[in-house]
PDB file of N, CA and C in Angstrom:
ATOM      1  N   MET A   1      31.925 -36.880  13.786  1.00  0.00           N
ATOM      2  CA  MET A   1      31.082 -37.921  13.253  1.00  0.00           C
ATOM      3  C   MET A   1      30.312 -37.427  12.018  1.00  0.00           C
ATOM      4  N   LEU A   2      29.699 -36.235  12.126  1.00  0.00           N
ATOM      5  CA  LEU A   2      28.945 -35.706  10.997  1.00  0.00           C
ATOM      6  C   LEU A   2      29.846 -35.419   9.807  1.00  0.00           C
ATOM      7  N   SER A   3      31.055 -34.949  10.090  1.00  0.00           N
ATOM      8  CA  SER A   3      32.004 -34.692   9.016  1.00  0.00           C
ATOM      9  C   SER A   3      32.360 -35.993   8.297  1.00  0.00           C
ATOM     10  N   TRP A   4      32.522 -37.059   9.036  1.00  0.00           N
ATOM     11  CA  TRP A   4      32.829 -38.362   8.456  1.00  0.00           C
ATOM     12  C   TRP A   4      31.683 -38.826   7.561  1.00  0.00           C
ATOM     13  N   VAL A   5      30.441 -38.658   8.038  1.00  0.00           N
ATOM     14  CA  VAL A   5      29.274 -39.044   7.242  1.00  0.00           C
ATOM     15  C   VAL A   5      29.245 -38.260   5.935  1.00  0.00           C
ATOM     16  N   ALA A   6      29.536 -36.964   6.007  1.00  0.00           N
ATOM     17  CA  ALA A   6      29.498 -36.120   4.807  1.00  0.00           C
ATOM     18  C   ALA A   6      30.550 -36.539   3.795  1.00  0.00           C
ATOM     19  N   THR A   7      31.743 -36.855   4.265  1.00  0.00           N
ATOM     20  CA  THR A   7      32.826 -37.163   3.330  1.00  0.00           C
ATOM     21  C   THR A   7      32.796 -38.601   2.833  1.00  0.00           C
ATOM     22  N   THR A   8      32.347 -39.543   3.669  1.00  0.00           N
ATOM     23  CA  THR A   8      32.371 -40.943   3.236  1.00  0.00           C
ATOM     24  C   THR A   8      31.029 -41.410   2.668  1.00  0.00           C
ATOM     25  N   ARG A   9      29.961 -41.201   3.388  1.00  0.00           N
ATOM     26  CA  ARG A   9      28.653 -41.714   2.952  1.00  0.00           C
ATOM     27  C   ARG A   9      28.019 -40.847   1.871  1.00  0.00           C
ATOM     28  N   MET A  10      28.209 -39.528   1.969  1.00  0.00           N
ATOM     29  CA  MET A  10      27.607 -38.631   0.991  1.00  0.00           C
ATOM     30  C   MET A  10      28.574 -38.309  -0.144  1.00  0.00           C
ATOM     31  N   SER A  11      29.798 -38.789  -0.049  1.00  0.00           N
ATOM     32  CA  SER A  11      30.851 -38.537  -1.048  1.00  0.00           C
ATOM     33  C   SER A  11      31.049 -37.054  -1.307  1.00  0.00           C
ATOM     34  N   PHE A  12      30.971 -36.255  -0.254  1.00  0.00           N
ATOM     35  CA  PHE A  12      31.171 -34.811  -0.393  1.00  0.00           C
ATOM     36  C   PHE A  12      32.664 -34.520  -0.458  1.00  0.00           C
ATOM     37  N   GLN A  13      33.088 -33.786  -1.465  1.00  0.00           N
ATOM     38  CA  GLN A  13      34.506 -33.508  -1.669  1.00  0.00           C
ATOM     39  C   GLN A  13      34.938 -32.120  -1.220  1.00  0.00           C
ATOM     40  N   GLY A  14      33.984 -31.245  -0.891  1.00  0.00           N
ATOM     41  CA  GLY A  14      34.317 -29.877  -0.502  1.00  0.00           C
ATOM     42  C   GLY A  14      34.692 -29.764   0.980  1.00  0.00           C
ATOM     43  N   LYS A  15      34.760 -28.540   1.429  1.00  0.00           N
ATOM     44  CA  LYS A  15      35.123 -28.244   2.813  1.00  0.00           C
ATOM     45  C   LYS A  15      33.891 -28.364   3.712  1.00  0.00           C
ATOM     46  N   VAL A  16      34.072 -28.997   4.875  1.00  0.00           N
ATOM     47  CA  VAL A  16      33.006 -29.130   5.861  1.00  0.00           C
ATOM     48  C   VAL A  16      33.319 -28.153   6.993  1.00  0.00           C
ATOM     49  N   ARG A  17      32.340 -27.295   7.328  1.00  0.00           N
ATOM     50  CA  ARG A  17      32.555 -26.281   8.351  1.00  0.00           C
ATOM     51  C   ARG A  17      31.456 -26.354   9.400  1.00  0.00           C
ATOM     52  N   PHE A  18      31.838 -26.080  10.653  1.00  0.00           N
ATOM     53  CA  PHE A  18      30.900 -26.115  11.769  1.00  0.00           C
ATOM     54  C   PHE A  18      30.662 -24.696  12.272  1.00  0.00           C
ATOM     55  N   PHE A  19      29.412 -24.290  12.319  1.00  0.00           N
ATOM     56  CA  PHE A  19      29.039 -22.955  12.768  1.00  0.00           C
ATOM     57  C   PHE A  19      28.060 -23.052  13.930  1.00  0.00           C
ATOM     58  N   TYR A  20      28.026 -22.003  14.729  1.00  0.00           N
ATOM     59  CA  TYR A  20      27.013 -21.836  15.761  1.00  0.00           C
ATOM     60  C   TYR A  20      26.149 -20.644  15.367  1.00  0.00           C
ATOM     61  N   GLN A  21      24.840 -20.743  15.589  1.00  0.00           N
ATOM     62  CA  GLN A  21      23.907 -19.695  15.195  1.00  0.00           C
ATOM     63  C   GLN A  21      23.170 -19.186  16.415  1.00  0.00           C
ATOM     64  N   ASP A  22      22.894 -17.890  16.417  1.00  0.00           N
ATOM     65  CA  ASP A  22      22.064 -17.288  17.456  1.00  0.00           C
ATOM     66  C   ASP A  22      21.486 -15.993  16.914  1.00  0.00           C
ATOM     67  N   GLU A  23      20.428 -15.529  17.561  1.00  0.00           N
ATOM     68  CA  GLU A  23      19.847 -14.242  17.191  1.00  0.00           C
ATOM     69  C   GLU A  23      19.717 -13.393  18.448  1.00  0.00           C
ATOM     70  N   THR A  24      19.688 -12.092  18.242  1.00  0.00           N
ATOM     71  CA  THR A  24      19.547 -11.166  19.352  1.00  0.00           C
ATOM     72  C   THR A  24      18.815  -9.930  18.864  1.00  0.00           C
ATOM     73  N   TRP A  25      18.403  -9.101  19.804  1.00  0.00           N
ATOM     74  CA  TRP A  25      17.763  -7.844  19.431  1.00  0.00           C
ATOM     75  C   TRP A  25      18.348  -6.734  20.278  1.00  0.00           C
ATOM     76  N   LEU A  26      18.451  -5.567  19.659  1.00  0.00           N
ATOM     77  CA  LEU A  26      18.963  -4.374  20.320  1.00  0.00           C
ATOM     78  C   LEU A  26      17.847  -3.343  20.314  1.00  0.00           C
ATOM     79  N   GLU A  27      17.604  -2.751  21.459  1.00  0.00           N
ATOM     80  CA  GLU A  27      16.497  -1.815  21.584  1.00  0.00           C
ATOM     81  C   GLU A  27      17.036  -0.405  21.790  1.00  0.00           C
ATOM     82  N   SER A  28      16.431   0.523  21.115  1.00  0.00           N
ATOM     83  CA  SER A  28      16.795   1.925  21.320  1.00  0.00           C
ATOM     84  C   SER A  28      15.515   2.738  21.453  1.00  0.00           C
ATOM     85  N   GLY A  29      15.580   3.743  22.241  1.00  0.00           N
ATOM     86  CA  GLY A  29      14.409   4.590  22.428  1.00  0.00           C
ATOM     87  C   GLY A  29      14.807   5.897  23.083  1.00  0.00           C
ATOM     88  N   ARG A  30      13.877   6.775  23.185  1.00  0.00           N
ATOM     89  CA  ARG A  30      14.138   8.089  23.739  1.00  0.00           C
ATOM     90  C   ARG A  30      14.026   8.045  25.259  1.00  0.00           C
ATOM     91  N   LYS A  31      15.016   8.575  25.922  1.00  0.00           N
ATOM     92  CA  LYS A  31      15.020   8.646  27.381  1.00  0.00           C
ATOM     93  C   LYS A  31      14.709  10.093  27.762  1.00  0.00           C
ATOM     94  N   ILE A  32      13.659  10.290  28.561  1.00  0.00           N
ATOM     95  CA  ILE A  32      13.237  11.662  28.840  1.00  0.00           C
ATOM     96  C   ILE A  32      13.392  12.061  30.300  1.00  0.00           C
ATOM     97  N   THR A  33      13.827  11.137  31.163  1.00  0.00           N
ATOM     98  CA  THR A  33      14.021  11.475  32.571  1.00  0.00           C
ATOM     99  C   THR A  33      15.323  10.881  33.064  1.00  0.00           C
ATOM    100  N   ALA A  34      15.729  11.305  34.223  1.00  0.00           N
ATOM    101  CA  ALA A  34      16.924  10.750  34.851  1.00  0.00           C
ATOM    102  C   ALA A  34      16.638   9.323  35.311  1.00  0.00           C
ATOM    103  N   LYS A  35      17.691   8.558  35.508  1.00  0.00           N
ATOM    104  CA  LYS A  35      17.533   7.182  35.954  1.00  0.00           C
ATOM    105  C   LYS A  35      16.802   7.141  37.297  1.00  0.00           C
ATOM    106  N   GLY A  36      15.814   6.286  37.380  1.00  0.00           N
ATOM    107  CA  GLY A  36      15.053   6.138  38.610  1.00  0.00           C
ATOM    108  C   GLY A  36      13.879   7.092  38.745  1.00  0.00           C
ATOM    109  N   VAL A  37      13.717   8.041  37.814  1.00  0.00           N
ATOM    110  CA  VAL A  37      12.614   8.996  37.867  1.00  0.00           C
ATOM    111  C   VAL A  37      11.570   8.564  36.849  1.00  0.00           C
ATOM    112  N   LYS A  38      10.375   8.275  37.320  1.00  0.00           N
ATOM    113  CA  LYS A  38       9.305   7.836  36.434  1.00  0.00           C
ATOM    114  C   LYS A  38       8.677   9.047  35.739  1.00  0.00           C
ATOM    115  N   PRO A  39       8.595   9.013  34.395  1.00  0.00           N
ATOM    116  CA  PRO A  39       8.002  10.143  33.683  1.00  0.00           C
ATOM    117  C   PRO A  39       6.500  10.220  33.921  1.00  0.00           C
ATOM    118  N   ARG A  40       5.984  11.427  33.924  1.00  0.00           N
ATOM    119  CA  ARG A  40       4.550  11.643  34.083  1.00  0.00           C
ATOM    120  C   ARG A  40       4.019  12.285  32.816  1.00  0.00           C
ATOM    121  N   GLY A  41       2.919  11.780  32.316  1.00  0.00           N
ATOM    122  CA  GLY A  41       2.337  12.342  31.103  1.00  0.00           C
ATOM    123  C   GLY A  41       1.438  11.352  30.409  1.00  0.00           C
ATOM    124  N   LYS A  42       0.829  11.799  29.326  1.00  0.00           N
ATOM    125  CA  LYS A  42      -0.124  10.979  28.588  1.00  0.00           C
ATOM    126  C   LYS A  42       0.511  10.237  27.417  1.00  0.00           C
ATOM    127  N   LEU A  43       1.773  10.529  27.132  1.00  0.00           N
ATOM    128  CA  LEU A  43       2.424   9.953  25.964  1.00  0.00           C
ATOM    129  C   LEU A  43       3.478   8.946  26.402  1.00  0.00           C
ATOM    130  N   GLN A  44       3.458   7.772  25.806  1.00  0.00           N
ATOM    131  CA  GLN A  44       4.500   6.783  26.061  1.00  0.00           C
ATOM    132  C   GLN A  44       5.357   6.674  24.812  1.00  0.00           C
ATOM    133  N   TRP A  45       6.660   6.825  24.970  1.00  0.00           N
ATOM    134  CA  TRP A  45       7.569   6.776  23.827  1.00  0.00           C
ATOM    135  C   TRP A  45       7.670   5.356  23.311  1.00  0.00           C
ATOM    136  N   GLN A  46       7.683   5.222  22.001  1.00  0.00           N
ATOM    137  CA  GLN A  46       7.814   3.918  21.363  1.00  0.00           C
ATOM    138  C   GLN A  46       9.293   3.600  21.180  1.00  0.00           C
ATOM    139  N   PHE A  47       9.629   2.357  21.378  1.00  0.00           N
ATOM    140  CA  PHE A  47      10.998   1.905  21.199  1.00  0.00           C
ATOM    141  C   PHE A  47      11.132   1.207  19.855  1.00  0.00           C
ATOM    142  N   GLN A  48      12.290   1.333  19.269  1.00  0.00           N
ATOM    143  CA  GLN A  48      12.582   0.649  18.021  1.00  0.00           C
ATOM    144  C   GLN A  48      13.625  -0.415  18.303  1.00  0.00           C
ATOM    145  N   ALA A  49      13.462  -1.559  17.686  1.00  0.00           N
ATOM    146  CA  ALA A  49      14.395  -2.657  17.901  1.00  0.00           C
ATOM    147  C   ALA A  49      15.048  -3.052  16.586  1.00  0.00           C
ATOM    148  N   THR A  50      16.275  -3.490  16.688  1.00  0.00           N
ATOM    149  CA  THR A  50      17.019  -4.041  15.564  1.00  0.00           C
ATOM    150  C   THR A  50      17.306  -5.493  15.899  1.00  0.00           C
ATOM    151  N   TYR A  51      17.015  -6.389  14.979  1.00  0.00           N
ATOM    152  CA  TYR A  51      17.205  -7.814  15.203  1.00  0.00           C
ATOM    153  C   TYR A  51      18.381  -8.302  14.369  1.00  0.00           C
ATOM    154  N   LEU A  52      19.299  -9.011  14.993  1.00  0.00           N
ATOM    155  CA  LEU A  52      20.464  -9.551  14.307  1.00  0.00           C
ATOM    156  C   LEU A  52      20.417 -11.062  14.346  1.00  0.00           C
ATOM    157  N   ASP A  53      20.705 -11.672  13.225  1.00  0.00           N
ATOM    158  CA  ASP A  53      20.820 -13.117  13.130  1.00  0.00           C
ATOM    159  C   ASP A  53      22.221 -13.394  12.621  1.00  0.00           C
ATOM    160  N   GLY A  54      22.907 -14.358  13.208  1.00  0.00           N
ATOM    161  CA  GLY A  54      24.280 -14.584  12.788  1.00  0.00           C
ATOM    162  C   GLY A  54      24.769 -15.985  13.048  1.00  0.00           C
ATOM    163  N   VAL A  55      25.854 -16.330  12.350  1.00  0.00           N
ATOM    164  CA  VAL A  55      26.569 -17.582  12.566  1.00  0.00           C
ATOM    165  C   VAL A  55      28.041 -17.257  12.757  1.00  0.00           C
ATOM    166  N   VAL A  56      28.724 -18.092  13.537  1.00  0.00           N
ATOM    167  CA  VAL A  56      30.158 -17.927  13.741  1.00  0.00           C
ATOM    168  C   VAL A  56      30.811 -19.302  13.779  1.00  0.00           C
ATOM    169  N   GLU A  57      31.999 -19.381  13.186  1.00  0.00           N
ATOM    170  CA  GLU A  57      32.792 -20.600  13.241  1.00  0.00           C
ATOM    171  C   GLU A  57      33.816 -20.406  14.357  1.00  0.00           C
ATOM    172  N   PRO A  58      33.685 -21.132  15.478  1.00  0.00           N
ATOM    173  CA  PRO A  58      34.534 -20.876  16.641  1.00  0.00           C
ATOM    174  C   PRO A  58      36.025 -21.074  16.395  1.00  0.00           C
ATOM    175  N   THR A  59      36.396 -21.998  15.518  1.00  0.00           N
ATOM    176  CA  THR A  59      37.820 -22.267  15.321  1.00  0.00           C
ATOM    177  C   THR A  59      38.532 -21.162  14.553  1.00  0.00           C
ATOM    178  N   THR A  60      37.818 -20.473  13.662  1.00  0.00           N
ATOM    179  CA  THR A  60      38.453 -19.423  12.862  1.00  0.00           C
ATOM    180  C   THR A  60      37.947 -18.020  13.199  1.00  0.00           C
ATOM    181  N   GLY A  61      36.776 -17.944  13.823  1.00  0.00           N
ATOM    182  CA  GLY A  61      36.173 -16.641  14.100  1.00  0.00           C
ATOM    183  C   GLY A  61      35.441 -16.051  12.911  1.00  0.00           C
ATOM    184  N   GLU A  62      35.438 -16.763  11.798  1.00  0.00           N
ATOM    185  CA  GLU A  62      34.724 -16.268  10.624  1.00  0.00           C
ATOM    186  C   GLU A  62      33.230 -16.255  10.930  1.00  0.00           C
ATOM    187  N   ASN A  63      32.551 -15.190  10.489  1.00  0.00           N
ATOM    188  CA  ASN A  63      31.146 -15.048  10.858  1.00  0.00           C
ATOM    189  C   ASN A  63      30.359 -14.385   9.744  1.00  0.00           C
ATOM    190  N   PHE A  64      29.053 -14.441   9.902  1.00  0.00           N
ATOM    191  CA  PHE A  64      28.136 -13.775   8.994  1.00  0.00           C
ATOM    192  C   PHE A  64      26.966 -13.273   9.828  1.00  0.00           C
ATOM    193  N   LEU A  65      26.656 -11.989   9.706  1.00  0.00           N
ATOM    194  CA  LEU A  65      25.544 -11.369  10.421  1.00  0.00           C
ATOM    195  C   LEU A  65      24.613 -10.702   9.420  1.00  0.00           C
ATOM    196  N   PHE A  66      23.334 -10.684   9.755  1.00  0.00           N
ATOM    197  CA  PHE A  66      22.378  -9.977   8.919  1.00  0.00           C
ATOM    198  C   PHE A  66      21.350  -9.312   9.824  1.00  0.00           C
ATOM    199  N   GLU A  67      20.958  -8.109   9.457  1.00  0.00           N
ATOM    200  CA  GLU A  67      20.019  -7.317  10.260  1.00  0.00           C
ATOM    201  C   GLU A  67      18.611  -7.424   9.669  1.00  0.00           C
ATOM    202  N   PHE A  68      17.648  -7.650  10.565  1.00  0.00           N
ATOM    203  CA  PHE A  68      16.244  -7.737  10.167  1.00  0.00           C
ATOM    204  C   PHE A  68      15.420  -6.724  10.954  1.00  0.00           C
ATOM    205  N   THR A  69      14.243  -6.406  10.442  1.00  0.00           N
ATOM    206  CA  THR A  69      13.320  -5.533  11.177  1.00  0.00           C
ATOM    207  C   THR A  69      12.515  -6.329  12.195  1.00  0.00           C
ATOM    208  N   HIS A  70      12.440  -7.633  12.004  1.00  0.00           N
ATOM    209  CA  HIS A  70      11.753  -8.537  12.927  1.00  0.00           C
ATOM    210  C   HIS A  70      12.307  -9.937  12.681  1.00  0.00           C
ATOM    211  N   LEU A  71      11.948 -10.884  13.525  1.00  0.00           N
ATOM    212  CA  LEU A  71      12.396 -12.265  13.353  1.00  0.00           C
ATOM    213  C   LEU A  71      11.193 -13.189  13.308  1.00  0.00           C
ATOM    214  N   ASN A  72      11.154 -14.020  12.291  1.00  0.00           N
ATOM    215  CA  ASN A  72      10.138 -15.064  12.185  1.00  0.00           C
ATOM    216  C   ASN A  72      10.706 -16.160  11.289  1.00  0.00           C
ATOM    217  N   SER A  73       9.907 -17.158  10.963  1.00  0.00           N
ATOM    218  CA  SER A  73      10.415 -18.280  10.175  1.00  0.00           C
ATOM    219  C   SER A  73      10.801 -17.864   8.755  1.00  0.00           C
ATOM    220  N   GLN A  74      10.084 -16.903   8.178  1.00  0.00           N
ATOM    221  CA  GLN A  74      10.434 -16.436   6.837  1.00  0.00           C
ATOM    222  C   GLN A  74      11.779 -15.705   6.843  1.00  0.00           C
ATOM    223  N   CYS A  75      12.014 -14.894   7.870  1.00  0.00           N
ATOM    224  CA  CYS A  75      13.302 -14.203   7.986  1.00  0.00           C
ATOM    225  C   CYS A  75      14.431 -15.206   8.172  1.00  0.00           C
ATOM    226  N   PHE A  76      14.177 -16.250   8.955  1.00  0.00           N
ATOM    227  CA  PHE A  76      15.215 -17.261   9.173  1.00  0.00           C
ATOM    228  C   PHE A  76      15.533 -17.999   7.878  1.00  0.00           C
ATOM    229  N   GLN A  77      14.529 -18.274   7.073  1.00  0.00           N
ATOM    230  CA  GLN A  77      14.767 -18.918   5.783  1.00  0.00           C
ATOM    231  C   GLN A  77      15.613 -18.015   4.877  1.00  0.00           C
ATOM    232  N   ILE A  78      15.301 -16.737   4.852  1.00  0.00           N
ATOM    233  CA  ILE A  78      16.102 -15.782   4.077  1.00  0.00           C
ATOM    234  C   ILE A  78      17.532 -15.759   4.590  1.00  0.00           C
ATOM    235  N   PHE A  79      17.689 -15.771   5.918  1.00  0.00           N
ATOM    236  CA  PHE A  79      19.022 -15.776   6.520  1.00  0.00           C
ATOM    237  C   PHE A  79      19.819 -17.012   6.083  1.00  0.00           C
ATOM    238  N   LEU A  80      19.198 -18.184   6.127  1.00  0.00           N
ATOM    239  CA  LEU A  80      19.891 -19.410   5.711  1.00  0.00           C
ATOM    240  C   LEU A  80      20.292 -19.356   4.239  1.00  0.00           C
ATOM    241  N   GLU A  81      19.440 -18.789   3.405  1.00  0.00           N
ATOM    242  CA  GLU A  81      19.778 -18.649   1.988  1.00  0.00           C
ATOM    243  C   GLU A  81      20.961 -17.701   1.801  1.00  0.00           C
ATOM    244  N   LEU A  82      21.009 -16.622   2.570  1.00  0.00           N
ATOM    245  CA  LEU A  82      22.135 -15.683   2.488  1.00  0.00           C
ATOM    246  C   LEU A  82      23.432 -16.324   2.979  1.00  0.00           C
ATOM    247  N   VAL A  83      23.345 -17.124   4.021  1.00  0.00           N
ATOM    248  CA  VAL A  83      24.536 -17.834   4.519  1.00  0.00           C
ATOM    249  C   VAL A  83      25.047 -18.792   3.455  1.00  0.00           C
ATOM    250  N   SER A  84      24.145 -19.513   2.811  1.00  0.00           N
ATOM    251  CA  SER A  84      24.579 -20.462   1.787  1.00  0.00           C
ATOM    252  C   SER A  84      25.211 -19.760   0.587  1.00  0.00           C
ATOM    253  N   LEU A  85      24.754 -18.542   0.281  1.00  0.00           N
ATOM    254  CA  LEU A  85      25.388 -17.773  -0.804  1.00  0.00           C
ATOM    255  C   LEU A  85      26.757 -17.250  -0.393  1.00  0.00           C
ATOM    256  N   THR A  86      26.933 -16.991   0.894  1.00  0.00           N
ATOM    257  CA  THR A  86      28.213 -16.473   1.395  1.00  0.00           C
ATOM    258  C   THR A  86      29.281 -17.553   1.407  1.00  0.00           C
ATOM    259  N   PHE A  87      28.889 -18.796   1.665  1.00  0.00           N
ATOM    260  CA  PHE A  87      29.835 -19.915   1.730  1.00  0.00           C
ATOM    261  C   PHE A  87      29.450 -20.974   0.689  1.00  0.00           C
ATOM    262  N   PRO A  88      29.617 -20.658  -0.596  1.00  0.00           N
ATOM    263  CA  PRO A  88      29.229 -21.620  -1.634  1.00  0.00           C
ATOM    264  C   PRO A  88      30.205 -22.802  -1.685  1.00  0.00           C
ATOM    265  N   ASP A  89      29.740 -23.916  -2.168  1.00  0.00           N
ATOM    266  CA  ASP A  89      30.566 -25.124  -2.355  1.00  0.00           C
ATOM    267  C   ASP A  89      31.170 -25.641  -1.058  1.00  0.00           C
ATOM    268  N   GLU A  90      30.539 -25.332   0.072  1.00  0.00           N
ATOM    269  CA  GLU A  90      30.980 -25.850   1.363  1.00  0.00           C
ATOM    270  C   GLU A  90      29.773 -26.447   2.067  1.00  0.00           C
ATOM    271  N   LEU A  91      30.002 -27.503   2.819  1.00  0.00           N
ATOM    272  CA  LEU A  91      28.933 -28.101   3.606  1.00  0.00           C
ATOM    273  C   LEU A  91      28.964 -27.456   4.989  1.00  0.00           C
ATOM    274  N   LEU A  92      27.882 -26.745   5.324  1.00  0.00           N
ATOM    275  CA  LEU A  92      27.820 -26.046   6.594  1.00  0.00           C
ATOM    276  C   LEU A  92      26.953 -26.826   7.570  1.00  0.00           C
ATOM    277  N   MET A  93      27.503 -27.102   8.717  1.00  0.00           N
ATOM    278  CA  MET A  93      26.747 -27.709   9.805  1.00  0.00           C
ATOM    279  C   MET A  93      26.556 -26.637  10.850  1.00  0.00           C
ATOM    280  N   ILE A  94      25.293 -26.272  11.088  1.00  0.00           N
ATOM    281  CA  ILE A  94      24.978 -25.142  11.947  1.00  0.00           C
ATOM    282  C   ILE A  94      24.231 -25.641  13.175  1.00  0.00           C
ATOM    283  N   GLN A  95      24.808 -25.375  14.345  1.00  0.00           N
ATOM    284  CA  GLN A  95      24.124 -25.706  15.594  1.00  0.00           C
ATOM    285  C   GLN A  95      23.320 -24.502  16.022  1.00  0.00           C
ATOM    286  N   LEU A  96      22.013 -24.691  16.205  1.00  0.00           N
ATOM    287  CA  LEU A  96      21.124 -23.605  16.560  1.00  0.00           C
ATOM    288  C   LEU A  96      21.005 -23.467  18.070  1.00  0.00           C
ATOM    289  N   TYR A  97      20.949 -22.229  18.544  1.00  0.00           N
ATOM    290  CA  TYR A  97      20.744 -21.956  19.959  1.00  0.00           C
ATOM    291  C   TYR A  97      19.433 -21.297  20.171  1.00  0.00           C
TER     292      TYR A  97
END
């Protein structure tokens, strides 16, 4: 339906693509004891996280990922601008999760 609106009502002549978007974070940190053994001491190790934001087109598997130090609305805006630069002259419909 949305593709029809883009091509007929908006007179869009380029390619219309459907993407799904999601973000995730990966955490890494120093492990100082065996599994199940609680460490004793005055120092708590800090963990570092990597945040990934990405889109994927399920029919082709084509995707775009970008790594951030954190996620917020400004990072998401930057991500959308990078996606639009990656797929120029195409109408992207992105379903957010």
